[in-house]
Amino acid sequence: MLVDLLSASLVTRQIPISPSERDALAVLLNRFRPAAVADLAYIRDRENTLASEE
């Protein structure tokens, strides 16, 4: 899934994001129910994904 791949890139490449980008990503990640993304590690681990801040 594209959102998981984007999240993986942010985490593994340690790409900094601004607070407004973090907020927008949080809204997007929160649209997914945990049970629906059990196999998508970076969406499921929202806290770690959102930890990349500028």
PDB file of N, CA and C in Angstrom:
ATOM      1  N   MET A   1       0.853  -1.169   0.000  1.00  0.00           N
ATOM      2  CA  MET A   1       0.000   0.000   0.000  1.00  0.00           C
ATOM      3  C   MET A   1       0.905   1.241   0.000  1.00  0.00           C
ATOM      4  N   LEU A   2       0.533   2.222  -0.771  1.00  0.00           N
ATOM      5  CA  LEU A   2       1.341   3.427  -0.949  1.00  0.00           C
ATOM      6  C   LEU A   2       1.598   4.168   0.358  1.00  0.00           C
ATOM      7  N   VAL A   3       0.603   4.272   1.208  1.00  0.00           N
ATOM      8  CA  VAL A   3       0.768   4.997   2.478  1.00  0.00           C
ATOM      9  C   VAL A   3       1.803   4.293   3.351  1.00  0.00           C
ATOM     10  N   ASP A   4       1.805   2.976   3.367  1.00  0.00           N
ATOM     11  CA  ASP A   4       2.786   2.238   4.149  1.00  0.00           C
ATOM     12  C   ASP A   4       4.187   2.444   3.569  1.00  0.00           C
ATOM     13  N   LEU A   5       4.313   2.454   2.260  1.00  0.00           N
ATOM     14  CA  LEU A   5       5.618   2.677   1.630  1.00  0.00           C
ATOM     15  C   LEU A   5       6.138   4.089   1.913  1.00  0.00           C
ATOM     16  N   LEU A   6       5.271   5.062   1.870  1.00  0.00           N
ATOM     17  CA  LEU A   6       5.654   6.436   2.204  1.00  0.00           C
ATOM     18  C   LEU A   6       6.115   6.513   3.659  1.00  0.00           C
ATOM     19  N   SER A   7       5.362   5.906   4.538  1.00  0.00           N
ATOM     20  CA  SER A   7       5.716   5.893   5.957  1.00  0.00           C
ATOM     21  C   SER A   7       7.045   5.182   6.178  1.00  0.00           C
ATOM     22  N   ALA A   8       7.253   4.085   5.494  1.00  0.00           N
ATOM     23  CA  ALA A   8       8.518   3.349   5.609  1.00  0.00           C
ATOM     24  C   ALA A   8       9.693   4.210   5.170  1.00  0.00           C
ATOM     25  N   SER A   9       9.525   4.949   4.094  1.00  0.00           N
ATOM     26  CA  SER A   9      10.593   5.836   3.618  1.00  0.00           C
ATOM     27  C   SER A   9      10.922   6.911   4.644  1.00  0.00           C
ATOM     28  N   LEU A  10       9.903   7.491   5.250  1.00  0.00           N
ATOM     29  CA  LEU A  10      10.125   8.522   6.265  1.00  0.00           C
ATOM     30  C   LEU A  10      10.925   7.977   7.444  1.00  0.00           C
ATOM     31  N   VAL A  11      10.599   6.762   7.854  1.00  0.00           N
ATOM     32  CA  VAL A  11      11.250   6.168   9.022  1.00  0.00           C
ATOM     33  C   VAL A  11      12.647   5.664   8.682  1.00  0.00           C
ATOM     34  N   THR A  12      12.771   4.842   7.659  1.00  0.00           N
ATOM     35  CA  THR A  12      14.050   4.206   7.375  1.00  0.00           C
ATOM     36  C   THR A  12      15.095   5.188   6.853  1.00  0.00           C
ATOM     37  N   ARG A  13      14.658   6.189   6.118  1.00  0.00           N
ATOM     38  CA  ARG A  13      15.600   7.200   5.602  1.00  0.00           C
ATOM     39  C   ARG A  13      15.748   8.381   6.550  1.00  0.00           C
ATOM     40  N   GLN A  14      15.020   8.325   7.651  1.00  0.00           N
ATOM     41  CA  GLN A  14      15.036   9.376   8.668  1.00  0.00           C
ATOM     42  C   GLN A  14      14.815  10.755   8.035  1.00  0.00           C
ATOM     43  N   ILE A  15      13.771  10.832   7.228  1.00  0.00           N
ATOM     44  CA  ILE A  15      13.416  12.077   6.544  1.00  0.00           C
ATOM     45  C   ILE A  15      12.669  12.973   7.528  1.00  0.00           C
ATOM     46  N   PRO A  16      13.197  14.154   7.801  1.00  0.00           N
ATOM     47  CA  PRO A  16      12.509  15.056   8.724  1.00  0.00           C
ATOM     48  C   PRO A  16      11.253  15.645   8.084  1.00  0.00           C
ATOM     49  N   ILE A  17      10.215  15.802   8.891  1.00  0.00           N
ATOM     50  CA  ILE A  17       8.993  16.431   8.412  1.00  0.00           C
ATOM     51  C   ILE A  17       8.624  17.569   9.355  1.00  0.00           C
ATOM     52  N   SER A  18       7.967  18.544   8.797  1.00  0.00           N
ATOM     53  CA  SER A  18       7.563  19.709   9.586  1.00  0.00           C
ATOM     54  C   SER A  18       6.355  19.346  10.460  1.00  0.00           C
ATOM     55  N   PRO A  19       6.079  20.158  11.459  1.00  0.00           N
ATOM     56  CA  PRO A  19       4.902  19.890  12.294  1.00  0.00           C
ATOM     57  C   PRO A  19       3.594  19.830  11.492  1.00  0.00           C
ATOM     58  N   SER A  20       3.443  20.687  10.498  1.00  0.00           N
ATOM     59  CA  SER A  20       2.208  20.650   9.709  1.00  0.00           C
ATOM     60  C   SER A  20       2.137  19.391   8.844  1.00  0.00           C
ATOM     61  N   GLU A  21       3.279  18.946   8.328  1.00  0.00           N
ATOM     62  CA  GLU A  21       3.304  17.688   7.575  1.00  0.00           C
ATOM     63  C   GLU A  21       2.998  16.509   8.493  1.00  0.00           C
ATOM     64  N   ARG A  22       3.540  16.553   9.717  1.00  0.00           N
ATOM     65  CA  ARG A  22       3.272  15.503  10.703  1.00  0.00           C
ATOM     66  C   ARG A  22       1.783  15.442  11.026  1.00  0.00           C
ATOM     67  N   ASP A  23       1.169  16.598  11.191  1.00  0.00           N
ATOM     68  CA  ASP A  23      -0.266  16.641  11.487  1.00  0.00           C
ATOM     69  C   ASP A  23      -1.088  16.063  10.341  1.00  0.00           C
ATOM     70  N   ALA A  24      -0.721  16.405   9.110  1.00  0.00           N
ATOM     71  CA  ALA A  24      -1.438  15.879   7.942  1.00  0.00           C
ATOM     72  C   ALA A  24      -1.254  14.370   7.829  1.00  0.00           C
ATOM     73  N   LEU A  25      -0.034  13.900   8.090  1.00  0.00           N
ATOM     74  CA  LEU A  25       0.220  12.459   8.041  1.00  0.00           C
ATOM     75  C   LEU A  25      -0.548  11.745   9.143  1.00  0.00           C
ATOM     76  N   ALA A  26      -0.630  12.343  10.316  1.00  0.00           N
ATOM     77  CA  ALA A  26      -1.383  11.747  11.424  1.00  0.00           C
ATOM     78  C   ALA A  26      -2.851  11.572  11.051  1.00  0.00           C
ATOM     79  N   VAL A  27      -3.422  12.574  10.413  1.00  0.00           N
ATOM     80  CA  VAL A  27      -4.819  12.475   9.972  1.00  0.00           C
ATOM     81  C   VAL A  27      -4.971  11.310   8.992  1.00  0.00           C
ATOM     82  N   LEU A  28      -4.043  11.207   8.058  1.00  0.00           N
ATOM     83  CA  LEU A  28      -4.099  10.127   7.068  1.00  0.00           C
ATOM     84  C   LEU A  28      -3.941   8.753   7.732  1.00  0.00           C
ATOM     85  N   LEU A  29      -2.949   8.618   8.603  1.00  0.00           N
ATOM     86  CA  LEU A  29      -2.727   7.330   9.268  1.00  0.00           C
ATOM     87  C   LEU A  29      -3.909   6.927  10.140  1.00  0.00           C
ATOM     88  N   ASN A  30      -4.545   7.890  10.767  1.00  0.00           N
ATOM     89  CA  ASN A  30      -5.673   7.592  11.651  1.00  0.00           C
ATOM     90  C   ASN A  30      -6.939   7.190  10.905  1.00  0.00           C
ATOM     91  N   ARG A  31      -6.937   7.315   9.592  1.00  0.00           N
ATOM     92  CA  ARG A  31      -8.077   6.868   8.799  1.00  0.00           C
ATOM     93  C   ARG A  31      -8.120   5.342   8.683  1.00  0.00           C
ATOM     94  N   PHE A  32      -6.992   4.695   9.002  1.00  0.00           N
ATOM     95  CA  PHE A  32      -6.898   3.243   8.901  1.00  0.00           C
ATOM     96  C   PHE A  32      -7.181   2.605  10.250  1.00  0.00           C
ATOM     97  N   ARG A  33      -8.050   1.625  10.259  1.00  0.00           N
ATOM     98  CA  ARG A  33      -8.336   0.874  11.488  1.00  0.00           C
ATOM     99  C   ARG A  33      -7.204  -0.125  11.723  1.00  0.00           C
ATOM    100  N   PRO A  34      -6.761  -0.288  12.964  1.00  0.00           N
ATOM    101  CA  PRO A  34      -5.647  -1.203  13.252  1.00  0.00           C
ATOM    102  C   PRO A  34      -5.850  -2.616  12.707  1.00  0.00           C
ATOM    103  N   ALA A  35      -7.044  -3.150  12.815  1.00  0.00           N
ATOM    104  CA  ALA A  35      -7.291  -4.508  12.328  1.00  0.00           C
ATOM    105  C   ALA A  35      -7.122  -4.605  10.810  1.00  0.00           C
ATOM    106  N   ALA A  36      -7.396  -3.518  10.111  1.00  0.00           N
ATOM    107  CA  ALA A  36      -7.302  -3.525   8.650  1.00  0.00           C
ATOM    108  C   ALA A  36      -5.865  -3.415   8.151  1.00  0.00           C
ATOM    109  N   VAL A  37      -4.951  -2.987   9.025  1.00  0.00           N
ATOM    110  CA  VAL A  37      -3.562  -2.794   8.601  1.00  0.00           C
ATOM    111  C   VAL A  37      -2.590  -3.654   9.412  1.00  0.00           C
ATOM    112  N   ALA A  38      -3.069  -4.784   9.878  1.00  0.00           N
ATOM    113  CA  ALA A  38      -2.239  -5.648  10.725  1.00  0.00           C
ATOM    114  C   ALA A  38      -0.925  -6.032  10.055  1.00  0.00           C
ATOM    115  N   ASP A  39      -0.919  -6.158   8.744  1.00  0.00           N
ATOM    116  CA  ASP A  39       0.301  -6.558   8.032  1.00  0.00           C
ATOM    117  C   ASP A  39       1.079  -5.366   7.461  1.00  0.00           C
ATOM    118  N   LEU A  40       0.667  -4.157   7.768  1.00  0.00           N
ATOM    119  CA  LEU A  40       1.345  -2.951   7.276  1.00  0.00           C
ATOM    120  C   LEU A  40       2.030  -2.260   8.454  1.00  0.00           C
ATOM    121  N   ALA A  41       3.266  -2.631   8.679  1.00  0.00           N
ATOM    122  CA  ALA A  41       3.985  -2.263   9.902  1.00  0.00           C
ATOM    123  C   ALA A  41       4.076  -0.767  10.143  1.00  0.00           C
ATOM    124  N   TYR A  42       4.311   0.027   9.116  1.00  0.00           N
ATOM    125  CA  TYR A  42       4.544   1.456   9.326  1.00  0.00           C
ATOM    126  C   TYR A  42       3.256   2.234   9.558  1.00  0.00           C
ATOM    127  N   ILE A  43       2.157   1.756   9.019  1.00  0.00           N
ATOM    128  CA  ILE A  43       0.865   2.379   9.332  1.00  0.00           C
ATOM    129  C   ILE A  43       0.455   1.974  10.742  1.00  0.00           C
ATOM    130  N   ARG A  44       0.670   0.719  11.064  1.00  0.00           N
ATOM    131  CA  ARG A  44       0.299   0.210  12.388  1.00  0.00           C
ATOM    132  C   ARG A  44       1.111   0.896  13.487  1.00  0.00           C
ATOM    133  N   ASP A  45       2.385   1.198  13.214  1.00  0.00           N
ATOM    134  CA  ASP A  45       3.266   1.834  14.203  1.00  0.00           C
ATOM    135  C   ASP A  45       3.261   3.348  14.002  1.00  0.00           C
ATOM    136  N   ARG A  46       2.092   3.947  14.150  1.00  0.00           N
ATOM    137  CA  ARG A  46       1.920   5.385  13.905  1.00  0.00           C
ATOM    138  C   ARG A  46       2.885   6.240  14.729  1.00  0.00           C
ATOM    139  N   GLU A  47       3.069   5.876  15.984  1.00  0.00           N
ATOM    140  CA  GLU A  47       3.893   6.688  16.881  1.00  0.00           C
ATOM    141  C   GLU A  47       5.328   6.816  16.362  1.00  0.00           C
ATOM    142  N   ASN A  48       5.909   5.718  15.928  1.00  0.00           N
ATOM    143  CA  ASN A  48       7.268   5.748  15.392  1.00  0.00           C
ATOM    144  C   ASN A  48       7.317   6.480  14.050  1.00  0.00           C
ATOM    145  N   THR A  49       6.320   6.257  13.226  1.00  0.00           N
ATOM    146  CA  THR A  49       6.274   6.924  11.925  1.00  0.00           C
ATOM    147  C   THR A  49       6.178   8.438  12.088  1.00  0.00           C
ATOM    148  N   LEU A  50       5.396   8.886  13.055  1.00  0.00           N
ATOM    149  CA  LEU A  50       5.206  10.322  13.260  1.00  0.00           C
ATOM    150  C   LEU A  50       6.335  10.965  14.066  1.00  0.00           C
ATOM    151  N   ALA A  51       7.290  10.187  14.526  1.00  0.00           N
ATOM    152  CA  ALA A  51       8.382  10.721  15.341  1.00  0.00           C
ATOM    153  C   ALA A  51       9.386  11.523  14.525  1.00  0.00           C
ATOM    154  N   SER A  52       9.369  11.410  13.206  1.00  0.00           N
ATOM    155  CA  SER A  52      10.308  12.148  12.356  1.00  0.00           C
ATOM    156  C   SER A  52       9.834  13.585  12.204  1.00  0.00           C
ATOM    157  N   GLU A  53      10.422  14.477  12.970  1.00  0.00           N
ATOM    158  CA  GLU A  53      10.049  15.898  12.893  1.00  0.00           C
ATOM    159  C   GLU A  53      11.250  16.745  12.535  1.00  0.00           C
ATOM    160  N   GLU A  54      10.990  17.857  11.903  1.00  0.00           N
ATOM    161  CA  GLU A  54      12.025  18.822  11.514  1.00  0.00           C
ATOM    162  C   GLU A  54      12.353  19.712  12.675  1.00  0.00           C
TER     163      GLU A  54
END
